Amino acid sequence: MRSGAGRSFTAAACLVFAACVIVLAAPHALAQAPDDREALIATLDGASLEELLATPAFLSLAQQGGASLMVTTIPWDEQRDALYSSRGLELLHVRPLDLGHMAVGDRVSEDLLAAAADTLAAALDGSSASHELVLLESGSADAIAQAAGDGLGAVVMASGSPEALASALRAIPKAIPVDTLTSDSTRRRGVVIDADVITTAVDFAAPTSKIDPGGETIRIVHGPPPLDLHDRYVQSKRLTVPIGTAAAVYVGLASLIAIIALWRPDISSRHRPFCASLAISASPA
């Protein structure tokens, strides 16, 4: 089994390789990309899905498409570095936009979220495309949520004319439900992975290109974003550490008792079966 560091290195290497493929293949794909379509990937840090949907501008944007949780398969910093260093994405009419960090200290700032929405709307004002896909992704929750085990990111996706999307960001949210997102990477309603974001952007802006960033296309499905799933995920993470610690202590004590029983000849024959059963219970399956 590979270590966590090994998996992270492999995932990062795959992302770098995908970025290289995009750069090399972009000139050919550019000739096939429709000039009137653009994908805008806007990234921010420190906001959960609930906090994004609690921001009126982002809620209004989500009502034009959908929102979901996002599983990060590689460190968020590495993903953002690859996104903003890839000239090939811009050649494919995929435009990255860094909205910055949304937290002040340990808490997310409503003012910073509102300012990020204004920045996104202004970027849409400057678009010359006739049809735009906006993918807003947050790679991490605030510091307090991360300390509680919340490592899930979030995605809001919507498409339309740049003018309509900018207007949605500046409008008061309507009293209508928000749909959610999914992809074949997870096959789970309301959950996508980080690689799906770039894949969806490329598929939209250059649909005839043969570039494969490694994810699956995100699609909108009817139904609310899985906020309850998020709560269950955080709760399970909170239980993982104490349960794992208790299991480790049990294995250590059981192994120590078994070693003493085998090493000391003065242990009574009545106690040896008990010690043997402890050793067996502590052994890996």
Protein backbone atom coordinates (compact mmCIF):
# COMPACT_ATOMS: atom_id res chain seq x y z
CA MET A 1 0.00 0.00 0.00
CA ARG A 2 1.41 3.42 -0.92
CA SER A 3 1.89 6.05 1.75
CA GLY A 4 -0.08 9.30 1.82
CA ALA A 5 3.02 11.17 0.64
CA GLY A 6 3.41 8.73 -2.24
CA ARG A 7 -0.20 9.14 -3.29
CA SER A 8 0.11 12.93 -3.08
CA PHE A 9 3.29 12.88 -5.20
CA THR A 10 1.66 10.63 -7.79
CA ALA A 11 -1.47 12.79 -7.98
CA ALA A 12 0.61 15.96 -8.28
CA ALA A 13 2.75 14.37 -11.00
CA CYS A 14 -0.41 13.41 -12.91
CA LEU A 15 -1.71 16.99 -12.66
CA VAL A 16 1.60 18.40 -13.92
CA PHE A 17 1.55 15.88 -16.77
CA ALA A 18 -2.01 16.92 -17.65
CA ALA A 19 -0.95 20.58 -17.64
CA CYS A 20 1.92 19.73 -20.03
CA VAL A 21 -0.47 17.89 -22.32
CA ILE A 22 -2.76 20.92 -22.36
CA VAL A 23 0.12 23.25 -23.25
CA LEU A 24 1.37 21.01 -26.07
CA ALA A 25 -2.06 20.26 -27.50
CA ALA A 26 -3.54 23.73 -27.10
CA PRO A 27 -2.50 25.18 -30.49
CA HIS A 28 -4.29 22.34 -32.31
CA ALA A 29 -7.32 22.49 -30.02
CA LEU A 30 -7.51 26.25 -30.40
CA ALA A 31 -8.29 25.86 -34.06
CA GLN A 32 -11.21 23.66 -33.09
CA ALA A 33 -12.53 25.76 -30.18
CA PRO A 34 -15.54 28.00 -30.89
CA ASP A 35 -14.56 31.66 -30.42
CA ASP A 36 -17.83 32.58 -28.74
CA ARG A 37 -17.46 30.21 -25.76
CA GLU A 38 -15.36 30.74 -22.66
CA ALA A 39 -14.99 28.95 -19.33
CA LEU A 40 -14.09 30.93 -16.23
CA ILE A 41 -12.62 29.02 -13.28
CA ALA A 42 -12.76 31.23 -10.19
CA THR A 43 -10.97 29.92 -7.10
CA LEU A 44 -11.15 31.02 -3.50
CA ASP A 45 -9.98 29.65 -0.16
CA GLY A 46 -11.56 29.28 3.24
CA ALA A 47 -15.28 28.96 2.47
CA SER A 48 -17.48 25.89 2.82
CA LEU A 49 -20.45 25.03 0.62
CA GLU A 50 -22.83 26.36 3.28
CA GLU A 51 -20.95 29.65 3.44
CA LEU A 52 -20.96 30.04 -0.33
CA LEU A 53 -24.72 29.47 -0.47
CA ALA A 54 -25.21 31.85 2.46
CA THR A 55 -23.70 34.61 0.30
CA PRO A 56 -26.59 36.18 -1.68
CA ALA A 57 -24.56 36.70 -4.87
CA PHE A 58 -23.26 33.13 -4.98
CA LEU A 59 -26.67 31.73 -4.07
CA SER A 60 -28.19 33.66 -6.97
CA LEU A 61 -25.46 32.28 -9.26
CA ALA A 62 -26.10 28.73 -8.02
CA GLN A 63 -29.78 29.16 -8.85
CA GLN A 64 -28.73 29.50 -12.49
CA GLY A 65 -27.03 26.10 -12.36
CA GLY A 66 -26.12 24.09 -9.29
CA ALA A 67 -23.75 23.55 -6.38
CA SER A 68 -22.06 20.57 -4.79
CA LEU A 69 -19.33 19.33 -2.50
CA MET A 70 -15.87 18.78 -3.98
CA VAL A 71 -13.38 16.11 -2.93
CA THR A 72 -9.80 17.35 -3.29
CA THR A 73 -7.55 14.56 -4.56
CA ILE A 74 -4.33 16.57 -4.35
CA PRO A 75 -3.25 19.43 -2.05
CA TRP A 76 -5.20 22.57 -2.88
CA ASP A 77 -2.09 24.75 -3.15
CA GLU A 78 -0.56 22.42 -5.75
CA GLN A 79 -3.77 22.42 -7.76
CA ARG A 80 -4.01 26.20 -7.80
CA ASP A 81 -0.35 26.57 -8.77
CA ALA A 82 -0.86 24.23 -11.73
CA LEU A 83 -4.04 26.07 -12.74
CA TYR A 84 -2.48 29.53 -12.78
CA SER A 85 0.81 28.46 -14.37
CA SER A 86 -0.79 26.70 -17.36
CA ARG A 87 -0.72 28.99 -20.38
CA GLY A 88 -2.42 26.21 -22.35
CA LEU A 89 -5.72 26.76 -20.55
CA GLU A 90 -5.96 30.36 -21.72
CA LEU A 91 -5.29 29.23 -25.28
CA LEU A 92 -8.33 26.97 -24.94
CA HIS A 93 -10.50 29.90 -23.77
CA VAL A 94 -10.34 28.70 -20.15
CA ARG A 95 -9.69 31.70 -17.93
CA PRO A 96 -8.57 31.31 -14.29
CA LEU A 97 -9.48 33.95 -11.72
CA ASP A 98 -8.03 34.05 -8.21
CA LEU A 99 -10.51 35.54 -5.73
CA GLY A 100 -8.21 35.15 -2.74
CA HIS A 101 -8.68 33.91 0.81
CA MET A 102 -12.05 34.44 2.46
CA ALA A 103 -11.10 34.05 6.12
CA VAL A 104 -10.02 36.65 8.64
CA GLY A 105 -8.24 34.75 11.37
CA ASP A 106 -10.19 31.56 11.97
CA ARG A 107 -13.51 32.79 10.58
CA VAL A 108 -14.81 33.35 7.07
CA SER A 109 -15.59 36.98 6.28
CA GLU A 110 -18.94 37.89 4.75
CA ASP A 111 -17.40 41.12 3.47
CA LEU A 112 -14.63 39.24 1.66
CA LEU A 113 -17.17 36.85 0.12
CA ALA A 114 -19.24 39.81 -1.09
CA ALA A 115 -16.11 41.46 -2.51
CA ALA A 116 -15.19 38.21 -4.28
CA ALA A 117 -18.62 38.13 -5.88
CA ASP A 118 -18.13 41.72 -7.10
CA THR A 119 -14.74 40.75 -8.58
CA LEU A 120 -16.29 37.78 -10.36
CA ALA A 121 -19.10 39.95 -11.76
CA ALA A 122 -16.56 42.51 -13.00
CA ALA A 123 -14.58 39.73 -14.73
CA LEU A 124 -17.76 38.65 -16.51
CA ASP A 125 -18.37 42.26 -17.58
CA GLY A 126 -15.05 42.11 -19.40
CA SER A 127 -15.80 38.90 -21.28
CA SER A 128 -16.19 39.03 -25.04
CA ALA A 129 -17.77 35.56 -25.27
CA SER A 130 -21.41 35.08 -26.11
CA HIS A 131 -21.72 31.99 -23.91
CA GLU A 132 -19.87 31.58 -20.61
CA LEU A 133 -19.41 28.75 -18.13
CA VAL A 134 -18.55 29.83 -14.59
CA LEU A 135 -17.00 27.30 -12.23
CA LEU A 136 -16.52 28.74 -8.75
CA GLU A 137 -14.51 26.40 -6.54
CA SER A 138 -13.43 26.64 -2.92
CA GLY A 139 -10.72 24.18 -2.03
CA SER A 140 -11.03 24.34 1.73
CA ALA A 141 -13.25 25.41 4.58
CA ASP A 142 -12.19 27.90 7.25
CA ALA A 143 -9.51 27.02 9.81
CA ILE A 144 -11.96 26.02 12.56
CA ALA A 145 -13.83 23.71 10.19
CA GLN A 146 -10.57 22.14 8.99
CA ALA A 147 -9.54 21.53 12.61
CA ALA A 148 -12.86 19.71 13.10
CA GLY A 149 -12.03 17.41 10.18
CA ASP A 150 -13.77 19.26 7.35
CA GLY A 151 -11.56 18.78 4.29
CA LEU A 152 -14.26 19.04 1.64
CA GLY A 153 -14.30 21.80 -0.91
CA ALA A 154 -17.26 23.22 -2.82
CA VAL A 155 -18.25 24.04 -6.40
CA VAL A 156 -20.86 26.37 -7.86
CA MET A 157 -21.46 26.04 -11.62
CA ALA A 158 -23.64 28.07 -13.97
CA SER A 159 -23.68 28.90 -17.68
CA GLY A 160 -25.25 31.53 -19.88
CA SER A 161 -24.32 34.85 -21.40
CA PRO A 162 -21.70 36.81 -19.43
CA GLU A 163 -24.24 39.62 -19.01
CA ALA A 164 -26.85 37.28 -17.53
CA LEU A 165 -24.38 35.67 -15.13
CA ALA A 166 -23.03 39.05 -13.99
CA SER A 167 -26.60 40.23 -13.44
CA ALA A 168 -27.33 37.11 -11.39
CA LEU A 169 -24.36 37.88 -9.14
CA ARG A 170 -25.71 41.38 -8.55
CA ALA A 171 -29.35 40.33 -8.13
CA ILE A 172 -31.29 39.39 -5.02
CA PRO A 173 -31.70 35.59 -4.88
CA LYS A 174 -35.11 34.30 -5.91
CA ALA A 175 -37.26 32.06 -3.77
CA ILE A 176 -36.39 28.99 -5.85
CA PRO A 177 -34.40 25.88 -4.91
CA VAL A 178 -30.79 25.24 -5.90
CA ASP A 179 -30.01 22.10 -7.87
CA THR A 180 -26.90 20.06 -7.26
CA LEU A 181 -24.05 18.62 -9.36
CA THR A 182 -22.50 15.24 -10.01
CA SER A 183 -20.00 13.52 -12.32
CA ASP A 184 -19.00 10.01 -13.31
CA SER A 185 -15.87 10.40 -11.16
CA THR A 186 -17.98 9.90 -8.05
CA ARG A 187 -21.35 8.69 -9.42
CA ARG A 188 -22.80 10.32 -6.33
CA ARG A 189 -25.38 13.06 -6.33
CA GLY A 190 -23.93 16.26 -4.92
CA VAL A 191 -20.24 15.26 -4.99
CA VAL A 192 -17.54 15.88 -7.62
CA ILE A 193 -13.73 15.84 -7.53
CA ASP A 194 -11.29 18.67 -8.21
CA ALA A 195 -10.09 17.24 -11.55
CA ASP A 196 -13.68 17.41 -12.83
CA VAL A 197 -13.54 21.21 -12.76
CA ILE A 198 -10.77 21.58 -15.38
CA THR A 199 -12.23 18.75 -17.46
CA THR A 200 -15.63 20.44 -17.53
CA ALA A 201 -14.09 23.78 -18.46
CA VAL A 202 -12.12 22.29 -21.36
CA ASP A 203 -15.11 20.26 -22.57
CA PHE A 204 -17.20 23.43 -22.63
CA ALA A 205 -14.69 25.84 -24.20
CA ALA A 206 -13.07 23.35 -26.62
CA PRO A 207 -15.57 20.50 -27.02
CA THR A 208 -13.82 18.96 -30.04
CA SER A 209 -10.36 18.88 -28.48
CA LYS A 210 -8.81 15.57 -27.50
CA ILE A 211 -7.26 16.86 -24.26
CA ASP A 212 -7.97 14.78 -21.16
CA PRO A 213 -7.18 16.59 -17.87
CA GLY A 214 -8.10 13.45 -15.93
CA GLY A 215 -11.59 14.12 -14.62
CA GLU A 216 -15.17 13.74 -15.83
CA THR A 217 -17.69 16.33 -17.01
CA ILE A 218 -19.78 17.88 -14.25
CA ARG A 219 -23.51 17.89 -14.90
CA ILE A 220 -26.51 19.43 -13.16
CA VAL A 221 -29.00 17.07 -11.53
CA HIS A 222 -32.32 17.91 -9.95
CA GLY A 223 -32.31 18.03 -6.17
CA PRO A 224 -30.76 20.12 -3.38
CA PRO A 225 -27.02 20.24 -2.58
CA PRO A 226 -26.16 17.58 0.04
CA LEU A 227 -25.61 19.77 3.08
CA ASP A 228 -26.66 16.86 5.31
CA LEU A 229 -23.99 14.70 3.67
CA HIS A 230 -21.46 17.38 4.54
CA ASP A 231 -22.55 17.29 8.18
CA ARG A 232 -22.25 13.49 8.28
CA TYR A 233 -18.79 13.66 6.71
CA VAL A 234 -17.56 16.13 9.32
CA GLN A 235 -19.06 14.03 12.12
CA SER A 236 -17.37 10.89 10.82
CA LYS A 237 -14.04 12.73 10.72
CA ARG A 238 -14.51 13.83 14.32
CA LEU A 239 -15.03 10.20 15.34
CA THR A 240 -12.11 8.83 13.31
CA VAL A 241 -9.34 10.20 15.55
CA PRO A 242 -10.67 9.03 18.97
CA ILE A 243 -11.67 5.63 17.59
CA GLY A 244 -8.32 5.19 15.89
CA THR A 245 -6.48 6.23 19.05
CA ALA A 246 -8.45 3.79 21.20
CA ALA A 247 -7.76 0.99 18.71
CA ALA A 248 -4.04 1.76 18.71
CA VAL A 249 -3.91 1.74 22.52
CA TYR A 250 -5.75 -1.61 22.62
CA VAL A 251 -3.39 -3.18 20.09
CA GLY A 252 -0.36 -1.92 21.99
CA LEU A 253 -1.55 -3.21 25.36
CA ALA A 254 -2.70 -6.55 23.95
CA SER A 255 0.63 -7.07 22.21
CA LEU A 256 2.54 -6.18 25.37
CA ILE A 257 0.51 -8.64 27.49
CA ALA A 258 1.02 -11.38 24.91
CA ILE A 259 4.80 -10.81 24.81
CA ILE A 260 5.04 -10.92 28.60
CA ALA A 261 3.00 -14.14 28.69
CA LEU A 262 5.31 -15.84 26.21
CA TRP A 263 8.51 -14.53 27.78
CA ARG A 264 7.81 -15.24 31.44
CA PRO A 265 7.69 -18.91 32.40
CA ASP A 266 5.88 -18.21 35.67
CA ILE A 267 2.62 -17.24 33.94
CA SER A 268 -0.01 -19.78 34.94
CA SER A 269 -1.49 -22.11 32.33
CA ARG A 270 -4.93 -20.61 33.07
CA HIS A 271 -3.80 -17.18 31.87
CA ARG A 272 -1.95 -18.30 28.74
CA PRO A 273 -5.11 -18.95 26.64
CA PHE A 274 -6.41 -15.51 27.59
CA CYS A 275 -3.12 -13.87 26.55
CA ALA A 276 -3.13 -15.85 23.31
CA SER A 277 -6.65 -14.65 22.50
CA LEU A 278 -5.52 -11.05 23.08
CA ALA A 279 -2.60 -11.54 20.72
CA ILE A 280 -4.87 -12.99 18.05
CA SER A 281 -7.39 -10.14 18.40
CA ALA A 282 -4.62 -7.57 18.02
CA SER A 283 -3.10 -9.19 14.92
CA PRO A 284 -3.98 -7.72 11.47
CA ALA A 285 -6.66 -9.49 9.45
